[in-house]
Amino acid sequence: MDTKKIENCIAACRKCVDTCETCSTENTGKAGMENSVKLCIACRDACTNLINASKNTATNLEELCKKCEEACIACATECEKHADMHHCKVCAEACRQCAKECKAMLAETA
């Protein structure tokens, strides 16, 4: 697997973890934002799992990458609905970038 693609994916995951954490924190307790919080936490966790697995050269990297991509797309789709809030807009952008990098990394394994 292309080392540069892995590095790009992990860098995007790190950014996504940070933005999802901020977004979920900002939205916790706000009416109508329960789904956003849930998806941000799921995305953060999927990205964290992929980061940790990449450090250990796990054999299930491809599976974790797919889960990460899916979580990022779901989170971005939800956060884009609330793009009038800066933290949601930033989160959606980071999630879209992370999904893109995951997809590029998966293309290497296909």
PDB file of N, CA and C in Angstrom:
ATOM      1  N   MET A   1       0.843  -1.182   0.000  1.00  0.00           N
ATOM      2  CA  MET A   1       0.000   0.000   0.000  1.00  0.00           C
ATOM      3  C   MET A   1       0.888   1.245   0.000  1.00  0.00           C
ATOM      4  N   ASP A   2       0.484   2.236  -0.740  1.00  0.00           N
ATOM      5  CA  ASP A   2       1.223   3.485  -0.892  1.00  0.00           C
ATOM      6  C   ASP A   2       1.314   4.216   0.450  1.00  0.00           C
ATOM      7  N   THR A   3       2.527   4.402   0.930  1.00  0.00           N
ATOM      8  CA  THR A   3       2.766   5.051   2.222  1.00  0.00           C
ATOM      9  C   THR A   3       2.204   6.466   2.256  1.00  0.00           C
ATOM     10  N   LYS A   4       2.334   7.193   1.165  1.00  0.00           N
ATOM     11  CA  LYS A   4       1.839   8.573   1.112  1.00  0.00           C
ATOM     12  C   LYS A   4       0.317   8.610   1.266  1.00  0.00           C
ATOM     13  N   LYS A   5      -0.376   7.676   0.646  1.00  0.00           N
ATOM     14  CA  LYS A   5      -1.840   7.635   0.763  1.00  0.00           C
ATOM     15  C   LYS A   5      -2.256   7.314   2.199  1.00  0.00           C
ATOM     16  N   ILE A   6      -1.524   6.423   2.832  1.00  0.00           N
ATOM     17  CA  ILE A   6      -1.804   6.097   4.236  1.00  0.00           C
ATOM     18  C   ILE A   6      -1.567   7.327   5.105  1.00  0.00           C
ATOM     19  N   GLU A   7      -0.452   8.007   4.894  1.00  0.00           N
ATOM     20  CA  GLU A   7      -0.139   9.208   5.674  1.00  0.00           C
ATOM     21  C   GLU A   7      -1.202  10.285   5.482  1.00  0.00           C
ATOM     22  N   ASN A   8      -1.648  10.490   4.248  1.00  0.00           N
ATOM     23  CA  ASN A   8      -2.700  11.477   3.969  1.00  0.00           C
ATOM     24  C   ASN A   8      -4.002  11.103   4.673  1.00  0.00           C
ATOM     25  N   CYS A   9      -4.328   9.838   4.639  1.00  0.00           N
ATOM     26  CA  CYS A   9      -5.551   9.358   5.266  1.00  0.00           C
ATOM     27  C   CYS A   9      -5.489   9.551   6.781  1.00  0.00           C
ATOM     28  N   ILE A  10      -4.384   9.195   7.373  1.00  0.00           N
ATOM     29  CA  ILE A  10      -4.233   9.323   8.828  1.00  0.00           C
ATOM     30  C   ILE A  10      -4.242  10.789   9.244  1.00  0.00           C
ATOM     31  N   ALA A  11      -3.613  11.655   8.459  1.00  0.00           N
ATOM     32  CA  ALA A  11      -3.634  13.092   8.757  1.00  0.00           C
ATOM     33  C   ALA A  11      -5.068  13.622   8.689  1.00  0.00           C
ATOM     34  N   ALA A  12      -5.818  13.186   7.684  1.00  0.00           N
ATOM     35  CA  ALA A  12      -7.220  13.608   7.560  1.00  0.00           C
ATOM     36  C   ALA A  12      -8.044  13.057   8.723  1.00  0.00           C
ATOM     37  N   CYS A  13      -7.751  11.844   9.154  1.00  0.00           N
ATOM     38  CA  CYS A  13      -8.445  11.249  10.300  1.00  0.00           C
ATOM     39  C   CYS A  13      -8.180  12.047  11.574  1.00  0.00           C
ATOM     40  N   ARG A  14      -6.940  12.447  11.765  1.00  0.00           N
ATOM     41  CA  ARG A  14      -6.605  13.238  12.962  1.00  0.00           C
ATOM     42  C   ARG A  14      -7.380  14.547  12.993  1.00  0.00           C
ATOM     43  N   LYS A  15      -7.441  15.215  11.855  1.00  0.00           N
ATOM     44  CA  LYS A  15      -8.188  16.468  11.773  1.00  0.00           C
ATOM     45  C   LYS A  15      -9.669  16.206  12.021  1.00  0.00           C
ATOM     46  N   CYS A  16     -10.170  15.130  11.456  1.00  0.00           N
ATOM     47  CA  CYS A  16     -11.573  14.769  11.611  1.00  0.00           C
ATOM     48  C   CYS A  16     -11.899  14.477  13.082  1.00  0.00           C
ATOM     49  N   VAL A  17     -11.022  13.780  13.763  1.00  0.00           N
ATOM     50  CA  VAL A  17     -11.217  13.502  15.187  1.00  0.00           C
ATOM     51  C   VAL A  17     -11.379  14.819  15.955  1.00  0.00           C
ATOM     52  N   ASP A  18     -10.490  15.765  15.695  1.00  0.00           N
ATOM     53  CA  ASP A  18     -10.537  17.056  16.395  1.00  0.00           C
ATOM     54  C   ASP A  18     -11.821  17.823  16.094  1.00  0.00           C
ATOM     55  N   THR A  19     -12.190  17.888  14.812  1.00  0.00           N
ATOM     56  CA  THR A  19     -13.373  18.670  14.457  1.00  0.00           C
ATOM     57  C   THR A  19     -14.659  17.995  14.935  1.00  0.00           C
ATOM     58  N   CYS A  20     -14.710  16.675  14.892  1.00  0.00           N
ATOM     59  CA  CYS A  20     -15.888  15.964  15.392  1.00  0.00           C
ATOM     60  C   CYS A  20     -16.023  16.135  16.904  1.00  0.00           C
ATOM     61  N   GLU A  21     -14.914  16.127  17.589  1.00  0.00           N
ATOM     62  CA  GLU A  21     -14.931  16.331  19.043  1.00  0.00           C
ATOM     63  C   GLU A  21     -15.466  17.726  19.376  1.00  0.00           C
ATOM     64  N   THR A  22     -14.974  18.723  18.665  1.00  0.00           N
ATOM     65  CA  THR A  22     -15.441  20.095  18.876  1.00  0.00           C
ATOM     66  C   THR A  22     -16.917  20.221  18.552  1.00  0.00           C
ATOM     67  N   CYS A  23     -17.309  19.674  17.425  1.00  0.00           N
ATOM     68  CA  CYS A  23     -18.698  19.777  16.978  1.00  0.00           C
ATOM     69  C   CYS A  23     -19.643  19.087  17.965  1.00  0.00           C
ATOM     70  N   SER A  24     -19.298  17.892  18.392  1.00  0.00           N
ATOM     71  CA  SER A  24     -20.174  17.174  19.323  1.00  0.00           C
ATOM     72  C   SER A  24     -20.258  17.915  20.661  1.00  0.00           C
ATOM     73  N   THR A  25     -19.161  18.468  21.108  1.00  0.00           N
ATOM     74  CA  THR A  25     -19.156  19.229  22.359  1.00  0.00           C
ATOM     75  C   THR A  25     -20.027  20.478  22.245  1.00  0.00           C
ATOM     76  N   GLU A  26     -19.877  21.194  21.130  1.00  0.00           N
ATOM     77  CA  GLU A  26     -20.662  22.418  20.914  1.00  0.00           C
ATOM     78  C   GLU A  26     -22.163  22.127  20.812  1.00  0.00           C
ATOM     79  N   ASN A  27     -22.519  20.969  20.276  1.00  0.00           N
ATOM     80  CA  ASN A  27     -23.926  20.657  20.027  1.00  0.00           C
ATOM     81  C   ASN A  27     -24.604  19.876  21.148  1.00  0.00           C
ATOM     82  N   THR A  28     -23.830  19.367  22.086  1.00  0.00           N
ATOM     83  CA  THR A  28     -24.408  18.602  23.187  1.00  0.00           C
ATOM     84  C   THR A  28     -25.373  19.482  23.980  1.00  0.00           C
ATOM     85  N   GLY A  29     -26.572  18.949  24.163  1.00  0.00           N
ATOM     86  CA  GLY A  29     -27.592  19.660  24.927  1.00  0.00           C
ATOM     87  C   GLY A  29     -28.442  20.619  24.111  1.00  0.00           C
ATOM     88  N   LYS A  30     -28.106  20.838  22.854  1.00  0.00           N
ATOM     89  CA  LYS A  30     -28.905  21.721  21.999  1.00  0.00           C
ATOM     90  C   LYS A  30     -30.064  20.932  21.397  1.00  0.00           C
ATOM     91  N   ALA A  31     -31.231  21.518  21.456  1.00  0.00           N
ATOM     92  CA  ALA A  31     -32.428  20.869  20.911  1.00  0.00           C
ATOM     93  C   ALA A  31     -32.267  20.600  19.420  1.00  0.00           C
ATOM     94  N   GLY A  32     -32.617  19.399  19.007  1.00  0.00           N
ATOM     95  CA  GLY A  32     -32.561  19.028  17.598  1.00  0.00           C
ATOM     96  C   GLY A  32     -31.181  18.629  17.093  1.00  0.00           C
ATOM     97  N   MET A  33     -30.201  18.614  17.974  1.00  0.00           N
ATOM     98  CA  MET A  33     -28.832  18.296  17.544  1.00  0.00           C
ATOM     99  C   MET A  33     -28.367  16.912  18.017  1.00  0.00           C
ATOM    100  N   GLU A  34     -29.285  16.124  18.536  1.00  0.00           N
ATOM    101  CA  GLU A  34     -28.933  14.809  19.074  1.00  0.00           C
ATOM    102  C   GLU A  34     -28.300  13.908  18.017  1.00  0.00           C
ATOM    103  N   ASN A  35     -28.857  13.902  16.808  1.00  0.00           N
ATOM    104  CA  ASN A  35     -28.320  13.055  15.744  1.00  0.00           C
ATOM    105  C   ASN A  35     -26.934  13.533  15.324  1.00  0.00           C
ATOM    106  N   SER A  36     -26.760  14.826  15.279  1.00  0.00           N
ATOM    107  CA  SER A  36     -25.453  15.384  14.932  1.00  0.00           C
ATOM    108  C   SER A  36     -24.400  14.945  15.946  1.00  0.00           C
ATOM    109  N   VAL A  37     -24.738  15.054  17.220  1.00  0.00           N
ATOM    110  CA  VAL A  37     -23.802  14.646  18.276  1.00  0.00           C
ATOM    111  C   VAL A  37     -23.465  13.166  18.138  1.00  0.00           C
ATOM    112  N   LYS A  38     -24.488  12.349  17.946  1.00  0.00           N
ATOM    113  CA  LYS A  38     -24.304  10.895  17.813  1.00  0.00           C
ATOM    114  C   LYS A  38     -23.385  10.558  16.631  1.00  0.00           C
ATOM    115  N   LEU A  39     -23.625  11.195  15.493  1.00  0.00           N
ATOM    116  CA  LEU A  39     -22.817  10.908  14.303  1.00  0.00           C
ATOM    117  C   LEU A  39     -21.399  11.437  14.435  1.00  0.00           C
ATOM    118  N   CYS A  40     -21.234  12.580  15.089  1.00  0.00           N
ATOM    119  CA  CYS A  40     -19.873  13.108  15.320  1.00  0.00           C
ATOM    120  C   CYS A  40     -19.068  12.164  16.205  1.00  0.00           C
ATOM    121  N   ILE A  41     -19.701  11.642  17.242  1.00  0.00           N
ATOM    122  CA  ILE A  41     -19.010  10.712  18.140  1.00  0.00           C
ATOM    123  C   ILE A  41     -18.668   9.416  17.411  1.00  0.00           C
ATOM    124  N   ALA A  42     -19.599   8.903  16.615  1.00  0.00           N
ATOM    125  CA  ALA A  42     -19.336   7.673  15.849  1.00  0.00           C
ATOM    126  C   ALA A  42     -18.204   7.889  14.856  1.00  0.00           C
ATOM    127  N   CYS A  43     -18.185   9.048  14.221  1.00  0.00           N
ATOM    128  CA  CYS A  43     -17.134   9.367  13.251  1.00  0.00           C
ATOM    129  C   CYS A  43     -15.784   9.492  13.949  1.00  0.00           C
ATOM    130  N   ARG A  44     -15.782  10.223  15.054  1.00  0.00           N
ATOM    131  CA  ARG A  44     -14.546  10.374  15.841  1.00  0.00           C
ATOM    132  C   ARG A  44     -13.990   9.008  16.226  1.00  0.00           C
ATOM    133  N   ASP A  45     -14.858   8.124  16.675  1.00  0.00           N
ATOM    134  CA  ASP A  45     -14.427   6.794  17.101  1.00  0.00           C
ATOM    135  C   ASP A  45     -13.903   5.967  15.936  1.00  0.00           C
ATOM    136  N   ALA A  46     -14.575   6.039  14.781  1.00  0.00           N
ATOM    137  CA  ALA A  46     -14.130   5.291  13.600  1.00  0.00           C
ATOM    138  C   ALA A  46     -12.750   5.788  13.145  1.00  0.00           C
ATOM    139  N   CYS A  47     -12.573   7.098  13.152  1.00  0.00           N
ATOM    140  CA  CYS A  47     -11.274   7.670  12.766  1.00  0.00           C
ATOM    141  C   CYS A  47     -10.182   7.271  13.754  1.00  0.00           C
ATOM    142  N   THR A  48     -10.505   7.320  15.035  1.00  0.00           N
ATOM    143  CA  THR A  48      -9.540   6.938  16.075  1.00  0.00           C
ATOM    144  C   THR A  48      -9.127   5.481  15.918  1.00  0.00           C
ATOM    145  N   ASN A  49     -10.102   4.622  15.642  1.00  0.00           N
ATOM    146  CA  ASN A  49      -9.790   3.200  15.437  1.00  0.00           C
ATOM    147  C   ASN A  49      -8.859   2.995  14.253  1.00  0.00           C
ATOM    148  N   LEU A  50      -9.084   3.727  13.177  1.00  0.00           N
ATOM    149  CA  LEU A  50      -8.232   3.603  11.995  1.00  0.00           C
ATOM    150  C   LEU A  50      -6.825   4.124  12.288  1.00  0.00           C
ATOM    151  N   ILE A  51      -6.727   5.230  12.985  1.00  0.00           N
ATOM    152  CA  ILE A  51      -5.411   5.781  13.357  1.00  0.00           C
ATOM    153  C   ILE A  51      -4.643   4.762  14.184  1.00  0.00           C
ATOM    154  N   ASN A  52      -5.292   4.216  15.207  1.00  0.00           N
ATOM    155  CA  ASN A  52      -4.632   3.251  16.087  1.00  0.00           C
ATOM    156  C   ASN A  52      -4.234   1.985  15.343  1.00  0.00           C
ATOM    157  N   ALA A  53      -5.086   1.518  14.466  1.00  0.00           N
ATOM    158  CA  ALA A  53      -4.781   0.303  13.695  1.00  0.00           C
ATOM    159  C   ALA A  53      -3.609   0.531  12.753  1.00  0.00           C
ATOM    160  N   SER A  54      -3.510   1.721  12.192  1.00  0.00           N
ATOM    161  CA  SER A  54      -2.414   1.998  11.256  1.00  0.00           C
ATOM    162  C   SER A  54      -1.066   1.998  11.962  1.00  0.00           C
ATOM    163  N   LYS A  55      -1.067   2.366  13.233  1.00  0.00           N
ATOM    164  CA  LYS A  55       0.177   2.357  14.022  1.00  0.00           C
ATOM    165  C   LYS A  55       0.653   0.935  14.272  1.00  0.00           C
ATOM    166  N   ASN A  56      -0.295   0.013  14.332  1.00  0.00           N
ATOM    167  CA  ASN A  56       0.017  -1.381  14.645  1.00  0.00           C
ATOM    168  C   ASN A  56       0.049  -2.276  13.415  1.00  0.00           C
ATOM    169  N   THR A  57      -0.015  -1.665  12.241  1.00  0.00           N
ATOM    170  CA  THR A  57      -0.087  -2.403  10.974  1.00  0.00           C
ATOM    171  C   THR A  57      -1.076  -3.561  11.069  1.00  0.00           C
ATOM    172  N   ALA A  58      -2.285  -3.249  11.482  1.00  0.00           N
ATOM    173  CA  ALA A  58      -3.341  -4.239  11.655  1.00  0.00           C
ATOM    174  C   ALA A  58      -3.714  -4.866  10.318  1.00  0.00           C
ATOM    175  N   THR A  59      -4.181  -6.086  10.382  1.00  0.00           N
ATOM    176  CA  THR A  59      -4.572  -6.794   9.173  1.00  0.00           C
ATOM    177  C   THR A  59      -5.953  -6.373   8.689  1.00  0.00           C
ATOM    178  N   ASN A  60      -6.746  -5.736   9.559  1.00  0.00           N
ATOM    179  CA  ASN A  60      -8.100  -5.328   9.181  1.00  0.00           C
ATOM    180  C   ASN A  60      -8.173  -3.845   8.805  1.00  0.00           C
ATOM    181  N   LEU A  61      -7.083  -3.313   8.327  1.00  0.00           N
ATOM    182  CA  LEU A  61      -7.008  -1.896   7.969  1.00  0.00           C
ATOM    183  C   LEU A  61      -8.036  -1.527   6.907  1.00  0.00           C
ATOM    184  N   GLU A  62      -8.215  -2.375   5.922  1.00  0.00           N
ATOM    185  CA  GLU A  62      -9.174  -2.108   4.843  1.00  0.00           C
ATOM    186  C   GLU A  62     -10.602  -2.013   5.393  1.00  0.00           C
ATOM    187  N   GLU A  63     -10.968  -2.929   6.253  1.00  0.00           N
ATOM    188  CA  GLU A  63     -12.302  -2.926   6.862  1.00  0.00           C
ATOM    189  C   GLU A  63     -12.514  -1.663   7.706  1.00  0.00           C
ATOM    190  N   LEU A  64     -11.520  -1.301   8.491  1.00  0.00           N
ATOM    191  CA  LEU A  64     -11.619  -0.095   9.318  1.00  0.00           C
ATOM    192  C   LEU A  64     -11.687   1.161   8.463  1.00  0.00           C
ATOM    193  N   CYS A  65     -10.986   1.146   7.359  1.00  0.00           N
ATOM    194  CA  CYS A  65     -10.993   2.283   6.440  1.00  0.00           C
ATOM    195  C   CYS A  65     -12.384   2.463   5.825  1.00  0.00           C
ATOM    196  N   LYS A  66     -13.028   1.364   5.462  1.00  0.00           N
ATOM    197  CA  LYS A  66     -14.390   1.426   4.916  1.00  0.00           C
ATOM    198  C   LYS A  66     -15.361   1.978   5.959  1.00  0.00           C
ATOM    199  N   LYS A  67     -15.237   1.513   7.195  1.00  0.00           N
ATOM    200  CA  LYS A  67     -16.105   1.993   8.274  1.00  0.00           C
ATOM    201  C   LYS A  67     -15.876   3.476   8.523  1.00  0.00           C
ATOM    202  N   CYS A  68     -14.636   3.882   8.456  1.00  0.00           N
ATOM    203  CA  CYS A  68     -14.291   5.286   8.649  1.00  0.00           C
ATOM    204  C   CYS A  68     -14.905   6.142   7.543  1.00  0.00           C
ATOM    205  N   GLU A  69     -14.760   5.696   6.315  1.00  0.00           N
ATOM    206  CA  GLU A  69     -15.336   6.434   5.183  1.00  0.00           C
ATOM    207  C   GLU A  69     -16.847   6.578   5.345  1.00  0.00           C
ATOM    208  N   GLU A  70     -17.516   5.492   5.697  1.00  0.00           N
ATOM    209  CA  GLU A  70     -18.967   5.519   5.880  1.00  0.00           C
ATOM    210  C   GLU A  70     -19.374   6.471   7.007  1.00  0.00           C
ATOM    211  N   ALA A  71     -18.657   6.415   8.116  1.00  0.00           N
ATOM    212  CA  ALA A  71     -18.959   7.281   9.252  1.00  0.00           C
ATOM    213  C   ALA A  71     -18.733   8.749   8.894  1.00  0.00           C
ATOM    214  N   CYS A  72     -17.678   9.013   8.142  1.00  0.00           N
ATOM    215  CA  CYS A  72     -17.375  10.387   7.725  1.00  0.00           C
ATOM    216  C   CYS A  72     -18.456  10.939   6.798  1.00  0.00           C
ATOM    217  N   ILE A  73     -18.921  10.129   5.875  1.00  0.00           N
ATOM    218  CA  ILE A  73     -19.971  10.569   4.949  1.00  0.00           C
ATOM    219  C   ILE A  73     -21.262  10.862   5.715  1.00  0.00           C
ATOM    220  N   ALA A  74     -21.626   9.975   6.635  1.00  0.00           N
ATOM    221  CA  ALA A  74     -22.849  10.181   7.427  1.00  0.00           C
ATOM    222  C   ALA A  74     -22.745  11.446   8.272  1.00  0.00           C
ATOM    223  N   CYS A  75     -21.609  11.642   8.897  1.00  0.00           N
ATOM    224  CA  CYS A  75     -21.412  12.819   9.744  1.00  0.00           C
ATOM    225  C   CYS A  75     -21.432  14.099   8.897  1.00  0.00           C
ATOM    226  N   ALA A  76     -20.739  14.082   7.786  1.00  0.00           N
ATOM    227  CA  ALA A  76     -20.693  15.265   6.910  1.00  0.00           C
ATOM    228  C   ALA A  76     -22.087  15.621   6.409  1.00  0.00           C
ATOM    229  N   THR A  77     -22.852  14.614   6.025  1.00  0.00           N
ATOM    230  CA  THR A  77     -24.203  14.852   5.531  1.00  0.00           C
ATOM    231  C   THR A  77     -25.062  15.529   6.594  1.00  0.00           C
ATOM    232  N   GLU A  78     -24.952  15.064   7.826  1.00  0.00           N
ATOM    233  CA  GLU A  78     -25.721  15.661   8.923  1.00  0.00           C
ATOM    234  C   GLU A  78     -25.213  17.064   9.255  1.00  0.00           C
ATOM    235  N   CYS A  79     -23.926  17.233   9.368  1.00  0.00           N
ATOM    236  CA  CYS A  79     -23.373  18.538   9.747  1.00  0.00           C
ATOM    237  C   CYS A  79     -23.619  19.601   8.673  1.00  0.00           C
ATOM    238  N   GLU A  80     -23.689  19.182   7.426  1.00  0.00           N
ATOM    239  CA  GLU A  80     -23.982  20.132   6.343  1.00  0.00           C
ATOM    240  C   GLU A  80     -25.378  20.736   6.495  1.00  0.00           C
ATOM    241  N   LYS A  81     -26.264  20.024   7.164  1.00  0.00           N
ATOM    242  CA  LYS A  81     -27.613  20.547   7.418  1.00  0.00           C
ATOM    243  C   LYS A  81     -27.569  21.733   8.385  1.00  0.00           C
ATOM    244  N   HIS A  82     -26.484  21.830   9.123  1.00  0.00           N
ATOM    245  CA  HIS A  82     -26.340  22.873  10.147  1.00  0.00           C
ATOM    246  C   HIS A  82     -25.146  23.776   9.853  1.00  0.00           C
ATOM    247  N   ALA A  83     -24.837  23.932   8.576  1.00  0.00           N
ATOM    248  CA  ALA A  83     -23.634  24.670   8.166  1.00  0.00           C
ATOM    249  C   ALA A  83     -23.690  26.157   8.518  1.00  0.00           C
ATOM    250  N   ASP A  84     -24.840  26.619   8.988  1.00  0.00           N
ATOM    251  CA  ASP A  84     -24.912  28.002   9.459  1.00  0.00           C
ATOM    252  C   ASP A  84     -24.134  28.170  10.771  1.00  0.00           C
ATOM    253  N   MET A  85     -23.855  27.053  11.445  1.00  0.00           N
ATOM    254  CA  MET A  85     -23.004  27.076  12.642  1.00  0.00           C
ATOM    255  C   MET A  85     -21.581  26.734  12.203  1.00  0.00           C
ATOM    256  N   HIS A  86     -20.657  27.589  12.538  1.00  0.00           N
ATOM    257  CA  HIS A  86     -19.279  27.449  12.072  1.00  0.00           C
ATOM    258  C   HIS A  86     -18.693  26.065  12.383  1.00  0.00           C
ATOM    259  N   HIS A  87     -18.862  25.585  13.604  1.00  0.00           N
ATOM    260  CA  HIS A  87     -18.264  24.299  13.979  1.00  0.00           C
ATOM    261  C   HIS A  87     -18.842  23.148  13.159  1.00  0.00           C
ATOM    262  N   CYS A  88     -20.113  23.243  12.782  1.00  0.00           N
ATOM    263  CA  CYS A  88     -20.715  22.194  11.937  1.00  0.00           C
ATOM    264  C   CYS A  88     -20.158  22.258  10.515  1.00  0.00           C
ATOM    265  N   LYS A  89     -19.986  23.464  10.020  1.00  0.00           N
ATOM    266  CA  LYS A  89     -19.424  23.638   8.678  1.00  0.00           C
ATOM    267  C   LYS A  89     -17.999  23.086   8.611  1.00  0.00           C
ATOM    268  N   VAL A  90     -17.186  23.412   9.605  1.00  0.00           N
ATOM    269  CA  VAL A  90     -15.801  22.935   9.659  1.00  0.00           C
ATOM    270  C   VAL A  90     -15.770  21.411   9.792  1.00  0.00           C
ATOM    271  N   CYS A  91     -16.668  20.875  10.608  1.00  0.00           N
ATOM    272  CA  CYS A  91     -16.734  19.424  10.790  1.00  0.00           C
ATOM    273  C   CYS A  91     -17.104  18.733   9.479  1.00  0.00           C
ATOM    274  N   ALA A  92     -18.109  19.254   8.796  1.00  0.00           N
ATOM    275  CA  ALA A  92     -18.537  18.657   7.525  1.00  0.00           C
ATOM    276  C   ALA A  92     -17.396  18.655   6.511  1.00  0.00           C
ATOM    277  N   GLU A  93     -16.666  19.761   6.439  1.00  0.00           N
ATOM    278  CA  GLU A  93     -15.540  19.843   5.498  1.00  0.00           C
ATOM    279  C   GLU A  93     -14.449  18.832   5.841  1.00  0.00           C
ATOM    280  N   ALA A  94     -14.124  18.711   7.128  1.00  0.00           N
ATOM    281  CA  ALA A  94     -13.096  17.751   7.551  1.00  0.00           C
ATOM    282  C   ALA A  94     -13.543  16.320   7.282  1.00  0.00           C
ATOM    283  N   CYS A  95     -14.811  16.049   7.519  1.00  0.00           N
ATOM    284  CA  CYS A  95     -15.340  14.699   7.275  1.00  0.00           C
ATOM    285  C   CYS A  95     -15.328  14.360   5.785  1.00  0.00           C
ATOM    286  N   ARG A  96     -15.689  15.306   4.943  1.00  0.00           N
ATOM    287  CA  ARG A  96     -15.658  15.066   3.484  1.00  0.00           C
ATOM    288  C   ARG A  96     -14.229  14.783   3.029  1.00  0.00           C
ATOM    289  N   GLN A  97     -13.263  15.543   3.544  1.00  0.00           N
ATOM    290  CA  GLN A  97     -11.861  15.334   3.177  1.00  0.00           C
ATOM    291  C   GLN A  97     -11.375  13.967   3.658  1.00  0.00           C
ATOM    292  N   CYS A  98     -11.759  13.615   4.861  1.00  0.00           N
ATOM    293  CA  CYS A  98     -11.343  12.321   5.410  1.00  0.00           C
ATOM    294  C   CYS A  98     -11.941  11.176   4.590  1.00  0.00           C
ATOM    295  N   ALA A  99     -13.215  11.294   4.235  1.00  0.00           N
ATOM    296  CA  ALA A  99     -13.854  10.265   3.409  1.00  0.00           C
ATOM    297  C   ALA A  99     -13.130  10.130   2.070  1.00  0.00           C
ATOM    298  N   LYS A 100     -12.742  11.269   1.506  1.00  0.00           N
ATOM    299  CA  LYS A 100     -12.012  11.275   0.231  1.00  0.00           C
ATOM    300  C   LYS A 100     -10.668  10.554   0.369  1.00  0.00           C
ATOM    301  N   GLU A 101      -9.956  10.826   1.461  1.00  0.00           N
ATOM    302  CA  GLU A 101      -8.648  10.185   1.682  1.00  0.00           C
ATOM    303  C   GLU A 101      -8.811   8.686   1.964  1.00  0.00           C
ATOM    304  N   CYS A 102      -9.861   8.322   2.672  1.00  0.00           N
ATOM    305  CA  CYS A 102     -10.137   6.902   2.912  1.00  0.00           C
ATOM    306  C   CYS A 102     -10.419   6.185   1.595  1.00  0.00           C
ATOM    307  N   LYS A 103     -11.205   6.829   0.743  1.00  0.00           N
ATOM    308  CA  LYS A 103     -11.538   6.246  -0.545  1.00  0.00           C
ATOM    309  C   LYS A 103     -10.272   6.049  -1.385  1.00  0.00           C
ATOM    310  N   ALA A 104      -9.372   7.035  -1.359  1.00  0.00           N
ATOM    311  CA  ALA A 104      -8.107   6.927  -2.101  1.00  0.00           C
ATOM    312  C   ALA A 104      -7.254   5.781  -1.552  1.00  0.00           C
ATOM    313  N   MET A 105      -7.250   5.625  -0.244  1.00  0.00           N
ATOM    314  CA  MET A 105      -6.480   4.551   0.368  1.00  0.00           C
ATOM    315  C   MET A 105      -7.101   3.197  -0.002  1.00  0.00           C
ATOM    316  N   LEU A 106      -8.421   3.109   0.008  1.00  0.00           N
ATOM    317  CA  LEU A 106      -9.101   1.863  -0.363  1.00  0.00           C
ATOM    318  C   LEU A 106      -8.855   1.498  -1.821  1.00  0.00           C
ATOM    319  N   ALA A 107      -8.742   2.499  -2.677  1.00  0.00           N
ATOM    320  CA  ALA A 107      -8.481   2.255  -4.096  1.00  0.00           C
ATOM    321  C   ALA A 107      -7.142   1.547  -4.282  1.00  0.00           C
ATOM    322  N   GLU A 108      -6.225   1.804  -3.368  1.00  0.00           N
ATOM    323  CA  GLU A 108      -4.910   1.153  -3.423  1.00  0.00           C
ATOM    324  C   GLU A 108      -5.009  -0.346  -3.161  1.00  0.00           C
ATOM    325  N   THR A 109      -5.980  -0.722  -2.334  1.00  0.00           N
ATOM    326  CA  THR A 109      -6.094  -2.143  -1.952  1.00  0.00           C
ATOM    327  C   THR A 109      -6.963  -2.925  -2.928  1.00  0.00           C
ATOM    328  N   ALA A 110      -7.683  -2.216  -3.792  1.00  0.00           N
ATOM    329  CA  ALA A 110      -8.613  -2.888  -4.722  1.00  0.00           C
ATOM    330  C   ALA A 110      -7.869  -3.614  -5.831  1.00  0.00           C
TER     331      ALA A 110
END
